[in-house]
Amino acid sequence: MMPSAFDDAYSQEDRELVYRLMGKQLIPQRWEFVQQVYRKNNIEADFRTYSHIGHGTDLKIGNDLVEFFRKHSH
């Protein structure tokens, strides 16, 4: 997988920092890096990847979010 061709999320300086610290590939490099940071800091999280979706959601994702908030709301 190639790094994203879109550069609107980071300045050139920030992009170089992100690439150096976390890797150029969003998946799997940066995705795995973030999960490791959460684990190392004992932060409870539910990481999921939905292979059938790009930048959007569907009913399955919506239902998973509802269940997540039901489970973690006090």
N, C-alpha and C. Protein backbone atom coordinates (compact mmCIF):
# COMPACT_ATOMS: atom_id res chain seq x y z
N MET A 1 0.84 -1.17 0.00
CA MET A 1 0.00 0.00 0.00
C MET A 1 0.88 1.23 0.00
N MET A 2 0.55 2.18 -0.84
CA MET A 2 1.32 3.41 -0.96
C MET A 2 0.76 4.46 0.00
N PRO A 3 1.63 5.40 0.43
CA PRO A 3 1.10 6.52 1.23
C PRO A 3 0.08 7.30 0.42
N SER A 4 -0.79 7.97 1.11
CA SER A 4 -1.83 8.75 0.45
C SER A 4 -1.24 9.83 -0.43
N ALA A 5 -1.83 10.03 -1.59
CA ALA A 5 -1.38 11.09 -2.49
C ALA A 5 -1.92 12.44 -2.05
N PHE A 6 -2.88 12.46 -1.12
CA PHE A 6 -3.48 13.69 -0.68
C PHE A 6 -2.67 14.27 0.47
N ASP A 7 -2.40 15.56 0.41
CA ASP A 7 -1.56 16.18 1.43
C ASP A 7 -2.28 17.26 2.23
N ASP A 8 -3.60 17.27 2.21
CA ASP A 8 -4.34 18.33 2.87
C ASP A 8 -4.42 18.16 4.38
N ALA A 9 -4.02 17.04 4.91
CA ALA A 9 -4.11 16.82 6.35
C ALA A 9 -2.90 17.35 7.11
N TYR A 10 -1.77 17.45 6.48
CA TYR A 10 -0.54 17.86 7.15
C TYR A 10 0.21 18.89 6.32
N SER A 11 0.92 19.78 7.01
CA SER A 11 1.90 20.62 6.32
C SER A 11 3.07 19.71 5.95
N GLN A 12 3.94 20.17 5.10
CA GLN A 12 5.10 19.35 4.71
C GLN A 12 5.93 19.00 5.93
N GLU A 13 6.13 19.96 6.83
CA GLU A 13 6.91 19.72 8.04
C GLU A 13 6.25 18.67 8.93
N ASP A 14 4.94 18.80 9.13
CA ASP A 14 4.21 17.82 9.94
C ASP A 14 4.21 16.45 9.29
N ARG A 15 4.05 16.40 7.98
CA ARG A 15 4.04 15.13 7.27
C ARG A 15 5.37 14.40 7.46
N GLU A 16 6.48 15.13 7.34
CA GLU A 16 7.79 14.51 7.52
C GLU A 16 7.94 13.97 8.94
N LEU A 17 7.42 14.70 9.93
CA LEU A 17 7.47 14.25 11.32
C LEU A 17 6.63 12.99 11.52
N VAL A 18 5.41 12.99 11.01
CA VAL A 18 4.54 11.81 11.11
C VAL A 18 5.20 10.61 10.45
N TYR A 19 5.72 10.78 9.26
CA TYR A 19 6.36 9.68 8.55
C TYR A 19 7.55 9.15 9.33
N ARG A 20 8.35 10.06 9.90
CA ARG A 20 9.54 9.64 10.64
C ARG A 20 9.16 8.90 11.92
N LEU A 21 8.15 9.38 12.63
CA LEU A 21 7.79 8.78 13.91
C LEU A 21 6.90 7.55 13.79
N MET A 22 5.98 7.56 12.83
CA MET A 22 4.98 6.50 12.77
C MET A 22 5.01 5.67 11.50
N GLY A 23 5.68 6.14 10.48
CA GLY A 23 5.72 5.42 9.22
C GLY A 23 4.92 6.11 8.13
N LYS A 24 5.22 5.78 6.90
CA LYS A 24 4.54 6.40 5.76
C LYS A 24 3.18 5.78 5.48
N GLN A 25 3.06 4.51 5.75
CA GLN A 25 1.81 3.81 5.43
C GLN A 25 0.82 3.95 6.58
N LEU A 26 -0.37 4.44 6.24
CA LEU A 26 -1.42 4.55 7.27
C LEU A 26 -1.74 3.17 7.82
N ILE A 27 -1.98 2.24 6.90
CA ILE A 27 -2.23 0.85 7.28
C ILE A 27 -1.19 0.00 6.59
N PRO A 28 -0.39 -0.77 7.30
CA PRO A 28 -0.54 -1.09 8.71
C PRO A 28 0.35 -0.25 9.65
N GLN A 29 1.36 0.47 9.15
CA GLN A 29 2.37 1.07 10.03
C GLN A 29 1.79 2.01 11.08
N ARG A 30 1.11 3.07 10.65
CA ARG A 30 0.62 4.06 11.63
C ARG A 30 -0.51 3.50 12.48
N TRP A 31 -1.33 2.66 11.90
CA TRP A 31 -2.44 2.03 12.63
C TRP A 31 -1.88 1.18 13.77
N GLU A 32 -0.84 0.39 13.51
CA GLU A 32 -0.22 -0.44 14.53
C GLU A 32 0.51 0.41 15.57
N PHE A 33 1.15 1.49 15.13
CA PHE A 33 1.85 2.39 16.04
C PHE A 33 0.88 2.96 17.08
N VAL A 34 -0.26 3.45 16.61
CA VAL A 34 -1.25 4.05 17.52
C VAL A 34 -1.77 3.00 18.51
N GLN A 35 -2.03 1.81 18.05
CA GLN A 35 -2.51 0.76 18.94
C GLN A 35 -1.47 0.45 20.02
N GLN A 36 -0.19 0.44 19.64
CA GLN A 36 0.87 0.19 20.62
C GLN A 36 0.93 1.29 21.67
N VAL A 37 0.75 2.53 21.26
CA VAL A 37 0.75 3.65 22.21
C VAL A 37 -0.39 3.48 23.21
N TYR A 38 -1.57 3.14 22.73
CA TYR A 38 -2.71 2.92 23.63
C TYR A 38 -2.41 1.80 24.61
N ARG A 39 -1.91 0.67 24.11
CA ARG A 39 -1.62 -0.48 24.99
C ARG A 39 -0.56 -0.13 26.03
N LYS A 40 0.49 0.53 25.59
CA LYS A 40 1.59 0.90 26.49
C LYS A 40 1.10 1.79 27.62
N ASN A 41 0.10 2.60 27.36
CA ASN A 41 -0.43 3.52 28.35
C ASN A 41 -1.70 3.00 29.03
N ASN A 42 -1.97 1.71 28.84
CA ASN A 42 -3.13 1.06 29.46
C ASN A 42 -4.44 1.80 29.20
N ILE A 43 -4.60 2.25 27.97
CA ILE A 43 -5.82 2.92 27.56
C ILE A 43 -6.72 1.89 26.89
N GLU A 44 -7.90 1.72 27.45
CA GLU A 44 -8.85 0.76 26.88
C GLU A 44 -9.44 1.35 25.60
N ALA A 45 -9.32 0.61 24.53
CA ALA A 45 -9.85 1.07 23.25
C ALA A 45 -10.31 -0.12 22.43
N ASP A 46 -11.14 0.14 21.48
CA ASP A 46 -11.65 -0.89 20.58
C ASP A 46 -11.27 -0.47 19.16
N PHE A 47 -10.19 -1.05 18.64
CA PHE A 47 -9.71 -0.73 17.30
C PHE A 47 -10.33 -1.69 16.30
N ARG A 48 -10.91 -1.14 15.27
CA ARG A 48 -11.51 -1.98 14.22
C ARG A 48 -11.17 -1.41 12.85
N THR A 49 -10.97 -2.31 11.92
CA THR A 49 -10.77 -1.93 10.52
C THR A 49 -11.90 -2.56 9.72
N TYR A 50 -12.54 -1.76 8.91
CA TYR A 50 -13.63 -2.25 8.06
C TYR A 50 -13.12 -2.24 6.62
N SER A 51 -12.87 -3.41 6.08
CA SER A 51 -12.24 -3.51 4.76
C SER A 51 -13.15 -3.06 3.63
N HIS A 52 -14.45 -3.04 3.84
CA HIS A 52 -15.39 -2.70 2.77
C HIS A 52 -15.69 -1.20 2.68
N ILE A 53 -15.05 -0.40 3.54
CA ILE A 53 -15.37 1.03 3.62
C ILE A 53 -14.09 1.85 3.49
N GLY A 54 -14.18 2.95 2.78
CA GLY A 54 -13.08 3.91 2.72
C GLY A 54 -13.33 4.97 3.77
N HIS A 55 -13.55 6.19 3.33
CA HIS A 55 -13.83 7.31 4.25
C HIS A 55 -15.34 7.50 4.33
N GLY A 56 -15.97 6.64 5.05
CA GLY A 56 -17.41 6.72 5.19
C GLY A 56 -17.88 5.72 6.24
N THR A 57 -19.18 5.57 6.35
CA THR A 57 -19.74 4.60 7.27
C THR A 57 -20.91 3.89 6.60
N ASP A 58 -21.37 2.86 7.26
CA ASP A 58 -22.56 2.15 6.80
C ASP A 58 -23.34 1.69 8.04
N LEU A 59 -24.41 0.96 7.84
CA LEU A 59 -25.25 0.52 8.95
C LEU A 59 -24.47 -0.34 9.95
N LYS A 60 -23.61 -1.22 9.49
CA LYS A 60 -22.80 -2.07 10.37
C LYS A 60 -21.93 -1.22 11.28
N ILE A 61 -21.25 -0.23 10.72
CA ILE A 61 -20.39 0.65 11.52
C ILE A 61 -21.24 1.46 12.50
N GLY A 62 -22.36 1.98 12.04
CA GLY A 62 -23.26 2.72 12.91
C GLY A 62 -23.74 1.88 14.08
N ASN A 63 -24.11 0.64 13.80
CA ASN A 63 -24.56 -0.26 14.87
C ASN A 63 -23.42 -0.57 15.85
N ASP A 64 -22.21 -0.74 15.33
CA ASP A 64 -21.06 -0.99 16.20
C ASP A 64 -20.80 0.22 17.10
N LEU A 65 -20.95 1.42 16.58
CA LEU A 65 -20.78 2.63 17.39
C LEU A 65 -21.84 2.73 18.48
N VAL A 66 -23.08 2.45 18.13
CA VAL A 66 -24.16 2.48 19.13
C VAL A 66 -23.84 1.48 20.24
N GLU A 67 -23.42 0.28 19.89
CA GLU A 67 -23.10 -0.74 20.89
C GLU A 67 -21.91 -0.29 21.75
N PHE A 68 -20.91 0.31 21.12
CA PHE A 68 -19.75 0.80 21.88
C PHE A 68 -20.19 1.81 22.94
N PHE A 69 -21.01 2.79 22.54
CA PHE A 69 -21.43 3.82 23.49
C PHE A 69 -22.38 3.26 24.55
N ARG A 70 -23.19 2.30 24.19
CA ARG A 70 -24.02 1.65 25.21
C ARG A 70 -23.14 0.95 26.25
N LYS A 71 -22.14 0.28 25.78
CA LYS A 71 -21.24 -0.48 26.66
C LYS A 71 -20.42 0.44 27.56
N HIS A 72 -20.01 1.59 27.05
CA HIS A 72 -19.06 2.45 27.78
C HIS A 72 -19.68 3.70 28.39
N SER A 73 -20.96 3.88 28.26
CA SER A 73 -21.63 5.03 28.88
C SER A 73 -21.95 4.72 30.33
N HIS A 74 -21.88 5.70 31.16
CA HIS A 74 -22.17 5.49 32.58
C HIS A 74 -23.50 6.09 32.93
